[in-house]
Amino acid sequence: SLHQDRNYPTDTGGAEVRGTGAAHGTNLNIPLPPGTGHKGY
C-alpha cells in the first residue's frame, strides 16, 4: 500500500506492520508525506 501518511484510517498504515507469523515480510506499507508528486511516487 502506497498511501498518504496518516490520512485514512489515521491509526493504520504504519511501515512497521510487515505481516504475522510465516507471512512476515509479505505486507509492505509505504506511507508518503503530503505533497508527494510524480517524481516521488
PDB file of all heavy atoms in Angstrom:
ATOM      1  N   SER A   1       0.842  -1.196   0.000  1.00  0.00           N
ATOM      2  CA  SER A   1       0.000   0.000   0.000  1.00  0.00           C
ATOM      3  C   SER A   1       0.875   1.242   0.000  1.00  0.00           C
ATOM      4  O   SER A   1       1.642   1.469   0.938  1.00  0.00           O
ATOM      5  CB  SER A   1      -0.927   0.002   1.223  1.00  0.00           C
ATOM      6  OG  SER A   1      -1.714   1.187   1.268  1.00  0.00           O
ATOM      7  N   LEU A   2       0.782   2.026  -1.085  1.00  0.00           N
ATOM      8  CA  LEU A   2       1.386   3.357  -1.110  1.00  0.00           C
ATOM      9  C   LEU A   2       0.272   4.347  -0.778  1.00  0.00           C
ATOM     10  O   LEU A   2      -0.754   4.401  -1.483  1.00  0.00           O
ATOM     11  CB  LEU A   2       1.951   3.696  -2.484  1.00  0.00           C
ATOM     12  CG  LEU A   2       3.033   2.786  -3.067  1.00  0.00           C
ATOM     13  CD1 LEU A   2       2.423   1.808  -4.059  1.00  0.00           C
ATOM     14  CD2 LEU A   2       4.108   3.625  -3.760  1.00  0.00           C
ATOM     15  N   HIS A   3       0.431   5.129   0.281  1.00  0.00           N
ATOM     16  CA  HIS A   3      -0.661   5.987   0.716  1.00  0.00           C
ATOM     17  C   HIS A   3      -0.127   7.233   1.402  1.00  0.00           C
ATOM     18  O   HIS A   3       1.013   7.274   1.848  1.00  0.00           O
ATOM     19  CB  HIS A   3      -1.590   5.228   1.677  1.00  0.00           C
ATOM     20  CG  HIS A   3      -0.882   4.551   2.787  1.00  0.00           C
ATOM     21  ND1 HIS A   3      -0.414   3.246   2.688  1.00  0.00           N
ATOM     22  CD2 HIS A   3      -0.523   4.965   4.031  1.00  0.00           C
ATOM     23  CE1 HIS A   3       0.182   2.898   3.811  1.00  0.00           C
ATOM     24  NE2 HIS A   3       0.133   3.929   4.649  1.00  0.00           N
ATOM     25  N   GLN A   4      -0.982   8.232   1.483  1.00  0.00           N
ATOM     26  CA  GLN A   4      -0.619   9.434   2.223  1.00  0.00           C
ATOM     27  C   GLN A   4      -0.566   9.109   3.707  1.00  0.00           C
ATOM     28  O   GLN A   4      -1.502   8.548   4.265  1.00  0.00           O
ATOM     29  CB  GLN A   4      -1.637  10.546   1.968  1.00  0.00           C
ATOM     30  CG  GLN A   4      -1.300  11.851   2.677  1.00  0.00           C
ATOM     31  CD  GLN A   4      -2.361  12.914   2.458  1.00  0.00           C
ATOM     32  OE1 GLN A   4      -2.919  13.026   1.368  1.00  0.00           O
ATOM     33  NE2 GLN A   4      -2.640  13.698   3.494  1.00  0.00           N
ATOM     34  N   ASP A   5       0.529   9.466   4.319  1.00  0.00           N
ATOM     35  CA  ASP A   5       0.747   9.144   5.726  1.00  0.00           C
ATOM     36  C   ASP A   5      -0.363   9.729   6.605  1.00  0.00           C
ATOM     37  O   ASP A   5      -0.651  10.922   6.540  1.00  0.00           O
ATOM     38  CB  ASP A   5       2.105   9.710   6.150  1.00  0.00           C
ATOM     39  CG  ASP A   5       2.550   9.238   7.519  1.00  0.00           C
ATOM     40  OD1 ASP A   5       2.108   8.166   7.949  1.00  0.00           O
ATOM     41  OD2 ASP A   5       3.365   9.951   8.135  1.00  0.00           O
ATOM     42  N   ARG A   6      -0.990   8.875   7.389  1.00  0.00           N
ATOM     43  CA  ARG A   6      -1.991   9.249   8.388  1.00  0.00           C
ATOM     44  C   ARG A   6      -3.153  10.056   7.793  1.00  0.00           C
ATOM     45  O   ARG A   6      -3.639  11.007   8.388  1.00  0.00           O
ATOM     46  CB  ARG A   6      -1.336  10.006   9.547  1.00  0.00           C
ATOM     47  CG  ARG A   6      -0.569   9.080  10.476  1.00  0.00           C
ATOM     48  CD  ARG A   6       0.196   9.828  11.529  1.00  0.00           C
ATOM     49  NE  ARG A   6       1.459  10.340  10.993  1.00  0.00           N
ATOM     50  CZ  ARG A   6       2.435  10.829  11.739  1.00  0.00           C
ATOM     51  NH1 ARG A   6       2.298  10.893  13.046  1.00  0.00           N
ATOM     52  NH2 ARG A   6       3.545  11.255  11.176  1.00  0.00           N
ATOM     53  N   ASN A   7      -3.602   9.638   6.633  1.00  0.00           N
ATOM     54  CA  ASN A   7      -4.782  10.262   6.036  1.00  0.00           C
ATOM     55  C   ASN A   7      -6.023   9.516   6.511  1.00  0.00           C
ATOM     56  O   ASN A   7      -6.769   9.995   7.356  1.00  0.00           O
ATOM     57  CB  ASN A   7      -4.649  10.271   4.507  1.00  0.00           C
ATOM     58  CG  ASN A   7      -5.822  10.938   3.815  1.00  0.00           C
ATOM     59  OD1 ASN A   7      -6.966  10.857   4.257  1.00  0.00           O
ATOM     60  ND2 ASN A   7      -5.558  11.613   2.704  1.00  0.00           N
ATOM     61  N   TYR A   8      -6.258   8.314   5.978  1.00  0.00           N
ATOM     62  CA  TYR A   8      -7.398   7.495   6.420  1.00  0.00           C
ATOM     63  C   TYR A   8      -7.070   6.038   6.151  1.00  0.00           C
ATOM     64  O   TYR A   8      -6.584   5.731   5.061  1.00  0.00           O
ATOM     65  CB  TYR A   8      -8.678   7.878   5.669  1.00  0.00           C
ATOM     66  CG  TYR A   8      -9.894   7.120   6.167  1.00  0.00           C
ATOM     67  CD1 TYR A   8     -10.620   7.594   7.255  1.00  0.00           C
ATOM     68  CD2 TYR A   8     -10.268   5.923   5.578  1.00  0.00           C
ATOM     69  CE1 TYR A   8     -11.729   6.888   7.731  1.00  0.00           C
ATOM     70  CE2 TYR A   8     -11.364   5.211   6.057  1.00  0.00           C
ATOM     71  CZ  TYR A   8     -12.090   5.701   7.121  1.00  0.00           C
ATOM     72  OH  TYR A   8     -13.173   4.998   7.602  1.00  0.00           O
ATOM     73  N   PRO A   9      -7.326   5.184   7.104  1.00  0.00           N
ATOM     74  CA  PRO A   9      -7.563   5.464   8.525  1.00  0.00           C
ATOM     75  C   PRO A   9      -6.306   6.058   9.171  1.00  0.00           C
ATOM     76  O   PRO A   9      -5.190   5.771   8.739  1.00  0.00           O
ATOM     77  CB  PRO A   9      -7.889   4.095   9.113  1.00  0.00           C
ATOM     78  CG  PRO A   9      -8.266   3.233   7.948  1.00  0.00           C
ATOM     79  CD  PRO A   9      -7.451   3.746   6.804  1.00  0.00           C
ATOM     80  N   THR A  10      -6.513   6.836  10.221  1.00  0.00           N
ATOM     81  CA  THR A  10      -5.377   7.502  10.850  1.00  0.00           C
ATOM     82  C   THR A  10      -4.566   6.564  11.735  1.00  0.00           C
ATOM     83  O   THR A  10      -3.440   6.897  12.113  1.00  0.00           O
ATOM     84  CB  THR A  10      -5.862   8.694  11.698  1.00  0.00           C
ATOM     85  OG1 THR A  10      -6.811   8.217  12.668  1.00  0.00           O
ATOM     86  CG2 THR A  10      -6.510   9.753  10.823  1.00  0.00           C
ATOM     87  N   ASP A  11      -5.121   5.404  12.086  1.00  0.00           N
ATOM     88  CA  ASP A  11      -4.440   4.501  13.017  1.00  0.00           C
ATOM     89  C   ASP A  11      -3.916   3.235  12.350  1.00  0.00           C
ATOM     90  O   ASP A  11      -3.551   2.277  13.030  1.00  0.00           O
ATOM     91  CB  ASP A  11      -5.381   4.127  14.167  1.00  0.00           C
ATOM     92  CG  ASP A  11      -6.661   3.458  13.688  1.00  0.00           C
ATOM     93  OD1 ASP A  11      -6.937   3.490  12.472  1.00  0.00           O
ATOM     94  OD2 ASP A  11      -7.389   2.907  14.533  1.00  0.00           O
ATOM     95  N   THR A  12      -3.868   3.191  11.031  1.00  0.00           N
ATOM     96  CA  THR A  12      -3.289   2.044  10.332  1.00  0.00           C
ATOM     97  C   THR A  12      -2.337   2.560   9.253  1.00  0.00           C
ATOM     98  O   THR A  12      -2.265   3.747   8.976  1.00  0.00           O
ATOM     99  CB  THR A  12      -4.368   1.159   9.666  1.00  0.00           C
ATOM    100  OG1 THR A  12      -4.997   1.901   8.595  1.00  0.00           O
ATOM    101  CG2 THR A  12      -5.429   0.733  10.667  1.00  0.00           C
ATOM    102  N   GLY A  13      -1.588   1.644   8.647  1.00  0.00           N
ATOM    103  CA  GLY A  13      -0.732   2.002   7.526  1.00  0.00           C
ATOM    104  C   GLY A  13       0.714   2.239   7.887  1.00  0.00           C
ATOM    105  O   GLY A  13       1.497   2.680   7.036  1.00  0.00           O
ATOM    106  N   GLY A  14       1.108   1.928   9.118  1.00  0.00           N
ATOM    107  CA  GLY A  14       2.492   2.133   9.509  1.00  0.00           C
ATOM    108  C   GLY A  14       3.442   1.167   8.832  1.00  0.00           C
ATOM    109  O   GLY A  14       3.117  -0.006   8.598  1.00  0.00           O
ATOM    110  N   ALA A  15       4.637   1.643   8.527  1.00  0.00           N
ATOM    111  CA  ALA A  15       5.616   0.826   7.807  1.00  0.00           C
ATOM    112  C   ALA A  15       6.105  -0.352   8.636  1.00  0.00           C
ATOM    113  O   ALA A  15       6.638  -1.318   8.085  1.00  0.00           O
ATOM    114  CB  ALA A  15       6.796   1.688   7.380  1.00  0.00           C
ATOM    115  N   GLU A  16       5.916  -0.282   9.941  1.00  0.00           N
ATOM    116  CA  GLU A  16       6.386  -1.376  10.801  1.00  0.00           C
ATOM    117  C   GLU A  16       5.505  -2.616  10.722  1.00  0.00           C
ATOM    118  O   GLU A  16       5.901  -3.698  11.181  1.00  0.00           O
ATOM    119  CB  GLU A  16       6.470  -0.899  12.256  1.00  0.00           C
ATOM    120  CG  GLU A  16       5.143  -0.698  12.946  1.00  0.00           C
ATOM    121  CD  GLU A  16       4.433   0.599  12.570  1.00  0.00           C
ATOM    122  OE1 GLU A  16       5.014   1.397  11.788  1.00  0.00           O
ATOM    123  OE2 GLU A  16       3.305   0.820  13.057  1.00  0.00           O
ATOM    124  N   VAL A  17       4.319  -2.525  10.136  1.00  0.00           N
ATOM    125  CA  VAL A  17       3.412  -3.670  10.025  1.00  0.00           C
ATOM    126  C   VAL A  17       3.856  -4.491   8.812  1.00  0.00           C
ATOM    127  O   VAL A  17       3.657  -4.078   7.664  1.00  0.00           O
ATOM    128  CB  VAL A  17       1.944  -3.221   9.886  1.00  0.00           C
ATOM    129  CG1 VAL A  17       1.028  -4.438   9.807  1.00  0.00           C
ATOM    130  CG2 VAL A  17       1.557  -2.333  11.067  1.00  0.00           C
ATOM    131  N   ARG A  18       4.423  -5.659   9.049  1.00  0.00           N
ATOM    132  CA  ARG A  18       5.083  -6.413   7.982  1.00  0.00           C
ATOM    133  C   ARG A  18       4.446  -7.751   7.685  1.00  0.00           C
ATOM    134  O   ARG A  18       4.896  -8.470   6.798  1.00  0.00           O
ATOM    135  CB  ARG A  18       6.558  -6.632   8.367  1.00  0.00           C
ATOM    136  CG  ARG A  18       7.327  -5.358   8.672  1.00  0.00           C
ATOM    137  CD  ARG A  18       7.666  -4.604   7.387  1.00  0.00           C
ATOM    138  NE  ARG A  18       8.739  -5.302   6.708  1.00  0.00           N
ATOM    139  CZ  ARG A  18       8.643  -5.835   5.466  1.00  0.00           C
ATOM    140  NH1 ARG A  18       7.525  -5.763   4.802  1.00  0.00           N
ATOM    141  NH2 ARG A  18       9.671  -6.440   4.931  1.00  0.00           N
ATOM    142  N   GLY A  19       3.384  -8.107   8.434  1.00  0.00           N
ATOM    143  CA  GLY A  19       2.800  -9.434   8.310  1.00  0.00           C
ATOM    144  C   GLY A  19       3.092 -10.232   9.562  1.00  0.00           C
ATOM    145  O   GLY A  19       4.025  -9.929  10.317  1.00  0.00           O
ATOM    146  N   THR A  20       2.289 -11.270   9.802  1.00  0.00           N
ATOM    147  CA  THR A  20       2.431 -12.047  11.028  1.00  0.00           C
ATOM    148  C   THR A  20       2.841 -13.483  10.727  1.00  0.00           C
ATOM    149  O   THR A  20       2.509 -14.041   9.680  1.00  0.00           O
ATOM    150  CB  THR A  20       1.106 -12.054  11.812  1.00  0.00           C
ATOM    151  OG1 THR A  20       0.079 -12.650  11.014  1.00  0.00           O
ATOM    152  CG2 THR A  20       0.691 -10.651  12.184  1.00  0.00           C
ATOM    153  N   GLY A  21       3.556 -14.084  11.689  1.00  0.00           N
ATOM    154  CA  GLY A  21       3.945 -15.479  11.560  1.00  0.00           C
ATOM    155  C   GLY A  21       4.739 -15.742  10.300  1.00  0.00           C
ATOM    156  O   GLY A  21       5.670 -15.008   9.954  1.00  0.00           O
ATOM    157  N   ALA A  22       4.335 -16.789   9.579  1.00  0.00           N
ATOM    158  CA  ALA A  22       5.021 -17.166   8.345  1.00  0.00           C
ATOM    159  C   ALA A  22       4.873 -16.120   7.248  1.00  0.00           C
ATOM    160  O   ALA A  22       5.605 -16.151   6.256  1.00  0.00           O
ATOM    161  CB  ALA A  22       4.486 -18.513   7.851  1.00  0.00           C
ATOM    162  N   ALA A  23       3.944 -15.187   7.433  1.00  0.00           N
ATOM    163  CA  ALA A  23       3.707 -14.144   6.432  1.00  0.00           C
ATOM    164  C   ALA A  23       4.523 -12.885   6.690  1.00  0.00           C
ATOM    165  O   ALA A  23       4.339 -11.885   5.989  1.00  0.00           O
ATOM    166  CB  ALA A  23       2.217 -13.789   6.387  1.00  0.00           C
ATOM    167  N   HIS A  24       5.423 -12.925   7.668  1.00  0.00           N
ATOM    168  CA  HIS A  24       6.240 -11.739   7.925  1.00  0.00           C
ATOM    169  C   HIS A  24       7.030 -11.366   6.667  1.00  0.00           C
ATOM    170  O   HIS A  24       7.683 -12.208   6.052  1.00  0.00           O
ATOM    171  CB  HIS A  24       7.220 -11.984   9.071  1.00  0.00           C
ATOM    172  CG  HIS A  24       8.070 -10.783   9.374  1.00  0.00           C
ATOM    173  ND1 HIS A  24       7.603  -9.701  10.089  1.00  0.00           N
ATOM    174  CD2 HIS A  24       9.347 -10.472   9.027  1.00  0.00           C
ATOM    175  CE1 HIS A  24       8.540  -8.794  10.187  1.00  0.00           C
ATOM    176  NE2 HIS A  24       9.624  -9.238   9.547  1.00  0.00           N
ATOM    177  N   GLY A  25       6.934 -10.105   6.291  1.00  0.00           N
ATOM    178  CA  GLY A  25       7.605  -9.617   5.094  1.00  0.00           C
ATOM    179  C   GLY A  25       6.714  -9.532   3.879  1.00  0.00           C
ATOM    180  O   GLY A  25       7.118  -8.980   2.851  1.00  0.00           O
ATOM    181  N   THR A  26       5.484 -10.065   3.977  1.00  0.00           N
ATOM    182  CA  THR A  26       4.588 -10.030   2.810  1.00  0.00           C
ATOM    183  C   THR A  26       3.559  -8.913   2.903  1.00  0.00           C
ATOM    184  O   THR A  26       2.625  -8.860   2.102  1.00  0.00           O
ATOM    185  CB  THR A  26       3.861 -11.376   2.615  1.00  0.00           C
ATOM    186  OG1 THR A  26       3.072 -11.659   3.770  1.00  0.00           O
ATOM    187  CG2 THR A  26       4.857 -12.494   2.378  1.00  0.00           C
ATOM    188  N   ASN A  27       3.713  -8.007   3.864  1.00  0.00           N
ATOM    189  CA  ASN A  27       2.906  -6.786   3.907  1.00  0.00           C
ATOM    190  C   ASN A  27       3.860  -5.597   3.885  1.00  0.00           C
ATOM    191  O   ASN A  27       4.785  -5.512   4.692  1.00  0.00           O
ATOM    192  CB  ASN A  27       2.036  -6.733   5.164  1.00  0.00           C
ATOM    193  CG  ASN A  27       1.057  -5.565   5.113  1.00  0.00           C
ATOM    194  OD1 ASN A  27       0.091  -5.586   4.363  1.00  0.00           O
ATOM    195  ND2 ASN A  27       1.315  -4.530   5.906  1.00  0.00           N
ATOM    196  N   LEU A  28       3.639  -4.705   2.939  1.00  0.00           N
ATOM    197  CA  LEU A  28       4.538  -3.575   2.741  1.00  0.00           C
ATOM    198  C   LEU A  28       3.705  -2.297   2.734  1.00  0.00           C
ATOM    199  O   LEU A  28       2.974  -2.028   1.773  1.00  0.00           O
ATOM    200  CB  LEU A  28       5.264  -3.746   1.396  1.00  0.00           C
ATOM    201  CG  LEU A  28       6.631  -3.102   1.227  1.00  0.00           C
ATOM    202  CD1 LEU A  28       7.650  -3.798   2.110  1.00  0.00           C
ATOM    203  CD2 LEU A  28       7.057  -3.185  -0.233  1.00  0.00           C
ATOM    204  N   ASN A  29       3.795  -1.525   3.815  1.00  0.00           N
ATOM    205  CA  ASN A  29       3.141  -0.227   3.870  1.00  0.00           C
ATOM    206  C   ASN A  29       4.157   0.855   3.537  1.00  0.00           C
ATOM    207  O   ASN A  29       5.240   0.907   4.147  1.00  0.00           O
ATOM    208  CB  ASN A  29       2.547   0.025   5.260  1.00  0.00           C
ATOM    209  CG  ASN A  29       1.263  -0.753   5.479  1.00  0.00           C
ATOM    210  OD1 ASN A  29       0.503  -0.990   4.545  1.00  0.00           O
ATOM    211  ND2 ASN A  29       1.021  -1.158   6.715  1.00  0.00           N
ATOM    212  N   ILE A  30       3.801   1.709   2.594  1.00  0.00           N
ATOM    213  CA  ILE A  30       4.684   2.784   2.149  1.00  0.00           C
ATOM    214  C   ILE A  30       3.956   4.110   2.374  1.00  0.00           C
ATOM    215  O   ILE A  30       3.330   4.663   1.461  1.00  0.00           O
ATOM    216  CB  ILE A  30       5.078   2.604   0.670  1.00  0.00           C
ATOM    217  CG1 ILE A  30       5.706   1.222   0.450  1.00  0.00           C
ATOM    218  CG2 ILE A  30       6.030   3.713   0.226  1.00  0.00           C
ATOM    219  CD1 ILE A  30       5.971   0.883  -1.002  1.00  0.00           C
ATOM    220  N   PRO A  31       3.968   4.615   3.612  1.00  0.00           N
ATOM    221  CA  PRO A  31       3.333   5.908   3.874  1.00  0.00           C
ATOM    222  C   PRO A  31       4.190   7.031   3.303  1.00  0.00           C
ATOM    223  O   PRO A  31       5.408   7.070   3.517  1.00  0.00           O
ATOM    224  CB  PRO A  31       3.274   5.962   5.410  1.00  0.00           C
ATOM    225  CG  PRO A  31       4.402   5.088   5.869  1.00  0.00           C
ATOM    226  CD  PRO A  31       4.562   4.022   4.823  1.00  0.00           C
ATOM    227  N   LEU A  32       3.569   7.931   2.573  1.00  0.00           N
ATOM    228  CA  LEU A  32       4.280   9.034   1.924  1.00  0.00           C
ATOM    229  C   LEU A  32       3.772  10.366   2.461  1.00  0.00           C
ATOM    230  O   LEU A  32       2.586  10.502   2.784  1.00  0.00           O
ATOM    231  CB  LEU A  32       4.085   8.968   0.405  1.00  0.00           C
ATOM    232  CG  LEU A  32       4.639   7.709  -0.278  1.00  0.00           C
ATOM    233  CD1 LEU A  32       4.185   7.639  -1.729  1.00  0.00           C
ATOM    234  CD2 LEU A  32       6.165   7.666  -0.177  1.00  0.00           C
ATOM    235  N   PRO A  33       4.625  11.367   2.549  1.00  0.00           N
ATOM    236  CA  PRO A  33       4.199  12.639   3.122  1.00  0.00           C
ATOM    237  C   PRO A  33       3.280  13.411   2.179  1.00  0.00           C
ATOM    238  O   PRO A  33       3.383  13.268   0.951  1.00  0.00           O
ATOM    239  CB  PRO A  33       5.520  13.377   3.332  1.00  0.00           C
ATOM    240  CG  PRO A  33       6.443  12.803   2.306  1.00  0.00           C
ATOM    241  CD  PRO A  33       6.057  11.359   2.181  1.00  0.00           C
ATOM    242  N   PRO A  34       2.383  14.221   2.742  1.00  0.00           N
ATOM    243  CA  PRO A  34       1.553  15.076   1.885  1.00  0.00           C
ATOM    244  C   PRO A  34       2.435  15.906   0.956  1.00  0.00           C
ATOM    245  O   PRO A  34       3.526  16.342   1.336  1.00  0.00           O
ATOM    246  CB  PRO A  34       0.823  15.974   2.898  1.00  0.00           C
ATOM    247  CG  PRO A  34       0.799  15.180   4.158  1.00  0.00           C
ATOM    248  CD  PRO A  34       2.090  14.408   4.178  1.00  0.00           C
ATOM    249  N   GLY A  35       1.968  16.065  -0.276  1.00  0.00           N
ATOM    250  CA  GLY A  35       2.731  16.827  -1.249  1.00  0.00           C
ATOM    251  C   GLY A  35       3.612  15.987  -2.151  1.00  0.00           C
ATOM    252  O   GLY A  35       4.221  16.514  -3.083  1.00  0.00           O
ATOM    253  N   THR A  36       3.688  14.674  -1.888  1.00  0.00           N
ATOM    254  CA  THR A  36       4.466  13.811  -2.777  1.00  0.00           C
ATOM    255  C   THR A  36       3.917  13.925  -4.197  1.00  0.00           C
ATOM    256  O   THR A  36       2.727  13.778  -4.425  1.00  0.00           O
ATOM    257  CB  THR A  36       4.413  12.355  -2.309  1.00  0.00           C
ATOM    258  OG1 THR A  36       5.022  12.249  -1.023  1.00  0.00           O
ATOM    259  CG2 THR A  36       5.144  11.436  -3.286  1.00  0.00           C
ATOM    260  N   GLY A  37       4.764  14.194  -5.116  1.00  0.00           N
ATOM    261  CA  GLY A  37       4.353  14.373  -6.506  1.00  0.00           C
ATOM    262  C   GLY A  37       4.801  13.240  -7.393  1.00  0.00           C
ATOM    263  O   GLY A  37       5.145  12.138  -6.923  1.00  0.00           O
ATOM    264  N   HIS A  38       4.814  13.509  -8.684  1.00  0.00           N
ATOM    265  CA  HIS A  38       5.095  12.485  -9.690  1.00  0.00           C
ATOM    266  C   HIS A  38       6.443  11.804  -9.434  1.00  0.00           C
ATOM    267  O   HIS A  38       6.525  10.565  -9.369  1.00  0.00           O
ATOM    268  CB  HIS A  38       5.083  13.120 -11.085  1.00  0.00           C
ATOM    269  CG  HIS A  38       5.471  12.181 -12.179  1.00  0.00           C
ATOM    270  ND1 HIS A  38       4.565  11.344 -12.795  1.00  0.00           N
ATOM    271  CD2 HIS A  38       6.676  11.923 -12.761  1.00  0.00           C
ATOM    272  CE1 HIS A  38       5.193  10.617 -13.710  1.00  0.00           C
ATOM    273  NE2 HIS A  38       6.465  10.957 -13.710  1.00  0.00           N
ATOM    274  N   LYS A  39       7.484  12.587  -9.260  1.00  0.00           N
ATOM    275  CA  LYS A  39       8.823  12.014  -9.113  1.00  0.00           C
ATOM    276  C   LYS A  39       8.908  11.142  -7.874  1.00  0.00           C
ATOM    277  O   LYS A  39       9.511  10.061  -7.898  1.00  0.00           O
ATOM    278  CB  LYS A  39       9.863  13.132  -9.060  1.00  0.00           C
ATOM    279  CG  LYS A  39      11.296  12.625  -9.006  1.00  0.00           C
ATOM    280  CD  LYS A  39      12.286  13.783  -9.037  1.00  0.00           C
ATOM    281  CE  LYS A  39      13.724  13.269  -8.961  1.00  0.00           C
ATOM    282  NZ  LYS A  39      14.698  14.401  -8.964  1.00  0.00           N
ATOM    283  N   GLY A  40       8.290  11.588  -6.781  1.00  0.00           N
ATOM    284  CA  GLY A  40       8.328  10.825  -5.543  1.00  0.00           C
ATOM    285  C   GLY A  40       7.624   9.492  -5.655  1.00  0.00           C
ATOM    286  O   GLY A  40       8.112   8.462  -5.143  1.00  0.00           O
ATOM    287  N   TYR A  41       6.469   9.480  -6.315  1.00  0.00           N
ATOM    288  CA  TYR A  41       5.750   8.218  -6.497  1.00  0.00           C
ATOM    289  C   TYR A  41       6.574   7.235  -7.322  1.00  0.00           C
ATOM    290  O   TYR A  41       6.649   6.039  -7.004  1.00  0.00           O
ATOM    291  CB  TYR A  41       4.394   8.462  -7.154  1.00  0.00           C
ATOM    292  CG  TYR A  41       3.272   8.603  -6.154  1.00  0.00           C
ATOM    293  CD1 TYR A  41       2.882   9.854  -5.689  1.00  0.00           C
ATOM    294  CD2 TYR A  41       2.604   7.491  -5.647  1.00  0.00           C
ATOM    295  CE1 TYR A  41       1.861  10.001  -4.756  1.00  0.00           C
ATOM    296  CE2 TYR A  41       1.586   7.615  -4.722  1.00  0.00           C
ATOM    297  CZ  TYR A  41       1.214   8.869  -4.281  1.00  0.00           C
ATOM    298  OH  TYR A  41       0.230   8.989  -3.353  1.00  0.00           O
TER     299      TYR A  41
END
